[in-house]
Amino acid sequence: MIGTKAAVDTDRAHAPSAHDLEIVPVRNYARWAAAAVSLLALAGLVGSLAKNRNLHWDVVGDYLFAPLIFDGLTTTLWLTAAAMAIGLGTGTLIAVMRLSSSPVLYGLATLFVWIFRGTPLLVQIIFWGYAAALYQYVKIGVPFTDVTFFQAETNSLLTPAVAALLALGLNEAAYASEIVRAGIQSVDTGQAEAAHSLGMRPALTMRRIVLPQAMRVIIPPMGNETINMLKMTALVSVISAHDLMSNIQDVYAQNYQVIPMLVVASIWYLALVTLLSIPQAWLERRYGRGTARTGHISPLHRMLGGAAGLLGRTNKEAGR
């Protein structure tokens, strides 16, 4: 026994310490090969598009910053902002009505969501654009009487821009209401009960207690809805609302350069979506504090971090 213990002590004395151990990362050659093939395919696609004469990059450069394009961008941006404001405000109201104990409020809210979520957005845009074919005049007065407080021609009120705004805003309200309702229901009911026990009214409880906690659930899908709304504004070109896509169509209807003009539109839509993704990520981090989403890393940071780590390991191996 004494000899065995002495041998164990000798082995421990000659064993390397934790500081002397060298950490060798596992090399995933299949992952490297997949990354190399993907980069080669991407480079080939970019090179093919860059050398393709049918794209007419000179036409793209001429119209990329044309005044007509900026006019369309202005309309697209204000349509997106105004439609999202209408959709979020009306959607919050509809969500609260659907959570109400009143069967009338619940029924009206459910009917609203059923109609505007169940019909295509394109159909709604065309409907509002040609609403004068259904009602020639817009009248406000006492129902079932001849008393009228306001009357105007439908065509003078529902211009293409106003029709597009109504269609986009009301359609978005139906989807936003479901997002807000899901966010409200994600908050524990004990929060509202505690606020009521302190004497807070239901409206104040909803505004100060429930909605701030629901925002961490509402923000990610609502950010996606904003980006989707920016792209859906292209559909209002069917009623000539003079948005970006409408002006693009007017141009290629004259010069017949369809593909180059669509490239111009794609570049601007990609740029705007990229800009919108920045405040969305900031809001997600802000309202996600204290949760697992706080440590979320963007794809760009992941790629840069992976490239930096690979470069560091390569330099370390070269210096041996």
Protein backbone atom coordinates (compact mmCIF):
# COMPACT_ATOMS: atom_id res chain seq x y z
CA MET A 1 0.00 0.00 0.00
CA ILE A 2 2.84 2.34 0.82
CA GLY A 3 4.48 1.66 -2.52
CA THR A 4 1.24 2.24 -4.41
CA LYS A 5 0.66 5.56 -2.64
CA ALA A 6 4.19 6.67 -3.41
CA ALA A 7 3.70 5.79 -7.09
CA VAL A 8 0.45 7.81 -7.20
CA ASP A 9 2.19 10.78 -5.61
CA THR A 10 4.99 10.51 -8.17
CA ASP A 11 2.47 10.46 -11.05
CA ARG A 12 0.72 13.50 -9.65
CA ALA A 13 4.01 15.33 -9.36
CA HIS A 14 4.82 14.72 -13.03
CA ALA A 15 1.23 15.42 -14.27
CA PRO A 16 0.86 18.71 -16.19
CA SER A 17 -0.99 21.53 -14.45
CA ALA A 18 -4.14 23.16 -15.80
CA HIS A 19 -2.10 26.13 -17.04
CA ASP A 20 0.16 23.86 -19.10
CA LEU A 21 -2.74 22.24 -20.96
CA GLU A 22 -3.26 23.48 -24.51
CA ILE A 23 -6.84 23.96 -25.70
CA VAL A 24 -7.21 22.69 -29.25
CA PRO A 25 -10.48 23.79 -30.93
CA VAL A 26 -12.46 21.17 -32.82
CA ARG A 27 -12.13 21.75 -36.55
CA ASN A 28 -15.38 21.32 -38.41
CA TYR A 29 -14.16 20.86 -41.97
CA ALA A 30 -17.67 20.22 -43.31
CA ARG A 31 -18.78 23.63 -42.03
CA TRP A 32 -15.77 25.31 -43.63
CA ALA A 33 -16.46 23.56 -46.91
CA ALA A 34 -20.13 24.62 -46.85
CA ALA A 35 -19.13 28.22 -46.12
CA ALA A 36 -16.60 28.21 -48.98
CA VAL A 37 -19.13 26.79 -51.44
CA SER A 38 -21.74 29.34 -50.35
CA LEU A 39 -19.30 32.25 -50.78
CA LEU A 40 -18.25 30.98 -54.20
CA ALA A 41 -21.88 30.68 -55.30
CA LEU A 42 -22.63 34.19 -54.03
CA ALA A 43 -19.57 35.60 -55.79
CA GLY A 44 -20.61 33.87 -59.00
CA LEU A 45 -24.13 35.28 -58.79
CA VAL A 46 -22.88 38.83 -58.09
CA GLY A 47 -20.38 38.60 -60.92
CA SER A 48 -23.03 37.33 -63.31
CA LEU A 49 -25.39 40.18 -62.45
CA ALA A 50 -22.62 42.76 -62.67
CA LYS A 51 -21.62 41.63 -66.17
CA ASN A 52 -25.18 41.12 -67.46
CA ARG A 53 -25.76 43.77 -70.12
CA ASN A 54 -29.52 43.22 -70.04
CA LEU A 55 -29.66 44.90 -66.64
CA HIS A 56 -28.50 48.22 -68.19
CA TRP A 57 -26.69 49.52 -65.14
CA ASP A 58 -26.41 52.90 -66.81
CA VAL A 59 -30.21 53.20 -66.72
CA VAL A 60 -30.18 52.15 -63.06
CA GLY A 61 -27.64 54.86 -62.28
CA ASP A 62 -29.61 57.51 -64.17
CA TYR A 63 -32.87 56.87 -62.31
CA LEU A 64 -31.59 55.82 -58.88
CA PHE A 65 -31.55 59.42 -57.60
CA ALA A 66 -34.02 60.96 -60.04
CA PRO A 67 -36.50 63.54 -58.63
CA LEU A 68 -39.43 61.34 -59.68
CA ILE A 69 -38.06 58.51 -57.54
CA PHE A 70 -37.69 60.78 -54.51
CA ASP A 71 -41.27 61.98 -54.95
CA GLY A 72 -42.41 58.36 -54.84
CA LEU A 73 -40.22 57.67 -51.80
CA THR A 74 -41.83 60.57 -49.95
CA THR A 75 -45.30 59.17 -50.61
CA THR A 76 -44.20 55.66 -49.63
CA LEU A 77 -42.71 56.83 -46.34
CA TRP A 78 -45.64 58.96 -45.22
CA LEU A 79 -48.09 56.23 -46.25
CA THR A 80 -46.14 53.72 -44.16
CA ALA A 81 -45.96 55.99 -41.10
CA ALA A 82 -49.59 57.13 -41.28
CA ALA A 83 -50.97 53.64 -41.97
CA MET A 84 -49.00 52.16 -39.06
CA ALA A 85 -50.23 54.95 -36.76
CA ILE A 86 -53.84 54.25 -37.77
CA GLY A 87 -53.31 50.51 -37.56
CA LEU A 88 -51.65 50.59 -34.14
CA GLY A 89 -54.14 53.03 -32.61
CA THR A 90 -57.22 51.32 -34.03
CA GLY A 91 -55.74 47.88 -33.44
CA THR A 92 -55.18 48.62 -29.74
CA LEU A 93 -58.78 49.76 -29.41
CA ILE A 94 -60.03 46.65 -31.24
CA ALA A 95 -57.86 44.42 -29.02
CA VAL A 96 -59.31 45.96 -25.85
CA MET A 97 -62.83 45.53 -27.26
CA ARG A 98 -62.16 41.86 -27.99
CA LEU A 99 -61.04 41.39 -24.40
CA SER A 100 -64.11 43.20 -23.08
CA SER A 101 -66.81 41.34 -21.20
CA SER A 102 -69.45 43.18 -23.26
CA PRO A 103 -70.81 40.85 -25.97
CA VAL A 104 -71.63 43.84 -28.20
CA LEU A 105 -68.08 45.22 -28.13
CA TYR A 106 -66.62 41.75 -28.53
CA GLY A 107 -68.91 41.00 -31.47
CA LEU A 108 -68.16 44.28 -33.30
CA ALA A 109 -64.40 43.84 -32.82
CA THR A 110 -64.54 40.24 -34.00
CA LEU A 111 -66.57 41.27 -37.06
CA PHE A 112 -64.00 43.97 -37.90
CA VAL A 113 -61.10 41.52 -37.68
CA TRP A 114 -63.02 38.90 -39.67
CA ILE A 115 -63.72 41.28 -42.58
CA PHE A 116 -60.39 43.08 -42.91
CA ARG A 117 -58.21 40.06 -42.18
CA GLY A 118 -60.30 37.73 -44.32
CA THR A 119 -60.18 39.72 -47.57
CA PRO A 120 -57.03 40.37 -49.63
CA LEU A 121 -55.35 43.73 -49.19
CA LEU A 122 -55.35 44.28 -52.95
CA VAL A 123 -59.14 43.89 -53.03
CA GLN A 124 -59.49 46.42 -50.20
CA ILE A 125 -57.27 48.93 -51.98
CA ILE A 126 -59.29 48.66 -55.19
CA PHE A 127 -62.55 48.84 -53.22
CA TRP A 128 -61.58 52.10 -51.49
CA GLY A 129 -60.18 53.48 -54.74
CA TYR A 130 -63.51 52.94 -56.53
CA ALA A 131 -65.83 53.56 -53.56
CA ALA A 132 -67.59 56.32 -55.55
CA ALA A 133 -69.17 53.60 -57.67
CA LEU A 134 -70.98 52.43 -54.51
CA TYR A 135 -71.71 55.79 -52.86
CA GLN A 136 -71.62 58.92 -54.98
CA TYR A 137 -71.83 61.18 -51.93
CA VAL A 138 -70.56 60.93 -48.37
CA LYS A 139 -73.26 62.08 -45.97
CA ILE A 140 -73.26 62.52 -42.19
CA GLY A 141 -76.58 63.05 -40.46
CA VAL A 142 -79.36 61.47 -38.46
CA PRO A 143 -80.04 57.89 -39.60
CA PHE A 144 -83.40 57.15 -41.28
CA THR A 145 -84.14 60.86 -41.67
CA ASP A 146 -83.39 63.57 -44.23
CA VAL A 147 -81.36 65.59 -41.71
CA THR A 148 -77.80 65.98 -43.05
CA PHE A 149 -74.93 67.75 -41.30
CA PHE A 150 -72.25 67.13 -43.92
CA GLN A 151 -72.28 66.12 -47.57
CA ALA A 152 -69.50 65.90 -50.16
CA GLU A 153 -68.69 64.00 -53.31
CA THR A 154 -66.91 60.74 -52.67
CA ASN A 155 -64.36 61.33 -55.43
CA SER A 156 -63.33 64.66 -53.90
CA LEU A 157 -62.80 63.08 -50.47
CA LEU A 158 -61.35 59.71 -51.41
CA THR A 159 -58.36 60.72 -53.51
CA PRO A 160 -55.99 57.88 -54.45
CA ALA A 161 -53.70 58.75 -51.53
CA VAL A 162 -56.57 58.85 -49.01
CA ALA A 163 -58.03 55.60 -50.37
CA ALA A 164 -54.62 53.93 -50.09
CA LEU A 165 -54.22 55.21 -46.52
CA LEU A 166 -57.63 53.90 -45.47
CA ALA A 167 -57.03 50.50 -47.04
CA LEU A 168 -53.56 50.07 -45.54
CA GLY A 169 -54.48 51.47 -42.12
CA LEU A 170 -57.67 49.46 -41.60
CA ASN A 171 -56.08 46.27 -42.88
CA GLU A 172 -53.15 46.75 -40.53
CA ALA A 173 -55.53 47.42 -37.63
CA ALA A 174 -56.97 43.92 -37.98
CA TYR A 175 -53.53 42.31 -37.71
CA ALA A 176 -52.24 44.74 -35.06
CA SER A 177 -55.25 44.01 -32.87
CA GLU A 178 -54.32 40.33 -32.70
CA ILE A 179 -50.70 41.18 -31.88
CA VAL A 180 -51.73 43.61 -29.13
CA ARG A 181 -54.29 41.14 -27.76
CA ALA A 182 -51.64 38.42 -27.56
CA GLY A 183 -49.30 40.84 -25.78
CA ILE A 184 -51.97 41.84 -23.25
CA GLN A 185 -52.88 38.23 -22.55
CA SER A 186 -49.20 37.40 -21.96
CA VAL A 187 -49.21 39.61 -18.84
CA ASP A 188 -50.19 37.80 -15.66
CA THR A 189 -53.71 38.71 -14.56
CA GLY A 190 -52.40 39.19 -11.04
CA GLN A 191 -50.76 42.42 -12.20
CA ALA A 192 -54.11 43.99 -13.08
CA GLU A 193 -55.75 42.63 -9.94
CA ALA A 194 -53.01 44.17 -7.79
CA ALA A 195 -53.45 47.53 -9.55
CA HIS A 196 -57.21 47.41 -9.02
CA SER A 197 -56.71 46.63 -5.34
CA LEU A 198 -54.68 49.85 -5.09
CA GLY A 199 -57.58 51.84 -6.51
CA MET A 200 -56.37 52.23 -10.09
CA ARG A 201 -59.09 52.41 -12.73
CA PRO A 202 -59.14 49.86 -15.59
CA ALA A 203 -58.03 52.40 -18.22
CA LEU A 204 -55.12 53.58 -16.07
CA THR A 205 -54.19 50.00 -15.25
CA MET A 206 -54.10 49.13 -18.93
CA ARG A 207 -51.97 52.17 -19.80
CA ARG A 208 -49.53 52.12 -16.88
CA ILE A 209 -49.29 48.46 -15.86
CA VAL A 210 -50.38 46.05 -18.59
CA LEU A 211 -49.28 47.65 -21.85
CA PRO A 212 -45.67 48.45 -20.75
CA GLN A 213 -45.18 44.79 -19.83
CA ALA A 214 -46.89 43.61 -23.00
CA MET A 215 -44.53 45.65 -25.17
CA ARG A 216 -41.78 43.00 -25.02
CA VAL A 217 -44.20 40.63 -26.75
CA ILE A 218 -45.69 43.25 -29.08
CA ILE A 219 -42.52 44.93 -30.39
CA PRO A 220 -40.94 42.08 -32.47
CA PRO A 221 -44.04 41.20 -34.55
CA MET A 222 -45.06 44.86 -34.78
CA GLY A 223 -41.62 45.71 -36.16
CA ASN A 224 -42.11 43.03 -38.79
CA GLU A 225 -45.54 44.50 -39.57
CA THR A 226 -43.93 47.93 -40.12
CA ILE A 227 -41.41 46.47 -42.54
CA ASN A 228 -44.17 44.53 -44.26
CA MET A 229 -46.27 47.70 -44.50
CA LEU A 230 -43.42 49.50 -46.24
CA LYS A 231 -43.39 46.82 -48.91
CA MET A 232 -47.18 46.51 -49.12
CA THR A 233 -47.40 50.17 -50.14
CA ALA A 234 -46.30 48.96 -53.57
CA LEU A 235 -49.81 47.54 -54.04
CA VAL A 236 -51.35 51.02 -54.10
CA SER A 237 -49.87 51.45 -57.56
CA VAL A 238 -53.07 49.82 -58.88
CA ILE A 239 -54.95 53.04 -58.06
CA SER A 240 -52.07 55.36 -59.07
CA ALA A 241 -51.33 56.72 -55.61
CA HIS A 242 -47.95 58.11 -56.85
CA ASP A 243 -45.87 56.02 -54.49
CA LEU A 244 -42.44 54.64 -55.38
CA MET A 245 -43.80 51.68 -57.33
CA SER A 246 -46.35 53.83 -59.16
CA ASN A 247 -43.66 56.20 -60.39
CA ILE A 248 -41.43 53.28 -61.35
CA GLN A 249 -44.25 51.84 -63.45
CA ASP A 250 -44.85 55.21 -65.11
CA VAL A 251 -41.19 55.34 -66.13
CA TYR A 252 -40.87 51.85 -67.58
CA ALA A 253 -44.17 52.28 -69.39
CA GLN A 254 -42.39 54.99 -71.40
CA ASN A 255 -38.83 53.70 -71.80
CA TYR A 256 -39.66 49.93 -71.69
CA GLN A 257 -36.72 49.31 -69.33
CA VAL A 258 -38.70 47.08 -66.97
CA ILE A 259 -35.86 45.13 -65.33
CA PRO A 260 -33.55 48.14 -64.67
CA MET A 261 -36.42 50.11 -63.13
CA LEU A 262 -37.37 47.17 -60.93
CA VAL A 263 -33.75 47.03 -59.80
CA VAL A 264 -34.02 50.70 -58.81
CA ALA A 265 -37.15 49.95 -56.79
CA SER A 266 -35.52 46.92 -55.14
CA ILE A 267 -32.46 48.92 -54.11
CA TRP A 268 -34.57 51.58 -52.43
CA TYR A 269 -36.86 49.09 -50.70
CA LEU A 270 -33.83 47.17 -49.39
CA ALA A 271 -32.27 50.40 -48.11
CA LEU A 272 -35.45 51.48 -46.33
CA VAL A 273 -36.02 48.05 -44.78
CA THR A 274 -32.42 48.04 -43.52
CA LEU A 275 -32.92 51.45 -41.89
CA LEU A 276 -36.17 50.32 -40.27
CA SER A 277 -34.44 47.26 -38.84
CA ILE A 278 -32.16 49.46 -36.71
CA PRO A 279 -34.84 51.03 -34.45
CA GLN A 280 -36.65 47.69 -34.30
CA ALA A 281 -33.54 46.01 -32.88
CA TRP A 282 -33.06 48.87 -30.40
CA LEU A 283 -36.66 48.63 -29.18
CA GLU A 284 -36.38 44.85 -28.81
CA ARG A 285 -33.27 45.26 -26.66
CA ARG A 286 -34.87 48.02 -24.59
CA TYR A 287 -38.13 46.21 -23.82
CA GLY A 288 -36.38 42.85 -23.56
CA ARG A 289 -34.15 43.88 -20.68
CA GLY A 290 -34.03 41.23 -18.00
CA THR A 291 -35.04 38.43 -20.37
CA ALA A 292 -33.17 35.96 -22.56
CA ARG A 293 -33.56 38.29 -25.55
CA THR A 294 -31.19 40.78 -23.95
CA GLY A 295 -28.23 38.71 -25.12
CA HIS A 296 -29.44 38.54 -28.70
CA ILE A 297 -26.63 38.97 -31.21
CA SER A 298 -27.37 40.24 -34.69
CA PRO A 299 -26.34 38.17 -37.73
CA LEU A 300 -23.80 40.82 -38.74
CA HIS A 301 -22.10 40.70 -35.33
CA ARG A 302 -22.09 36.90 -35.48
CA MET A 303 -20.40 36.90 -38.89
CA LEU A 304 -17.84 39.53 -37.85
CA GLY A 305 -17.17 37.73 -34.58
CA GLY A 306 -16.74 34.39 -36.34
CA ALA A 307 -14.38 35.91 -38.91
CA ALA A 308 -12.33 37.59 -36.18
CA GLY A 309 -12.09 34.34 -34.19
CA LEU A 310 -11.01 32.39 -37.27
CA LEU A 311 -8.38 35.00 -38.11
CA GLY A 312 -7.07 34.94 -34.52
CA ARG A 313 -6.72 31.16 -34.51
CA THR A 314 -4.97 31.25 -37.89
CA ASN A 315 -2.43 33.84 -36.65
CA LYS A 316 -1.84 31.83 -33.48
CA GLU A 317 -1.14 28.69 -35.44
CA ALA A 318 1.17 30.56 -37.80
CA GLY A 319 3.18 31.95 -34.88
CA ARG A 320 4.00 28.53 -33.44
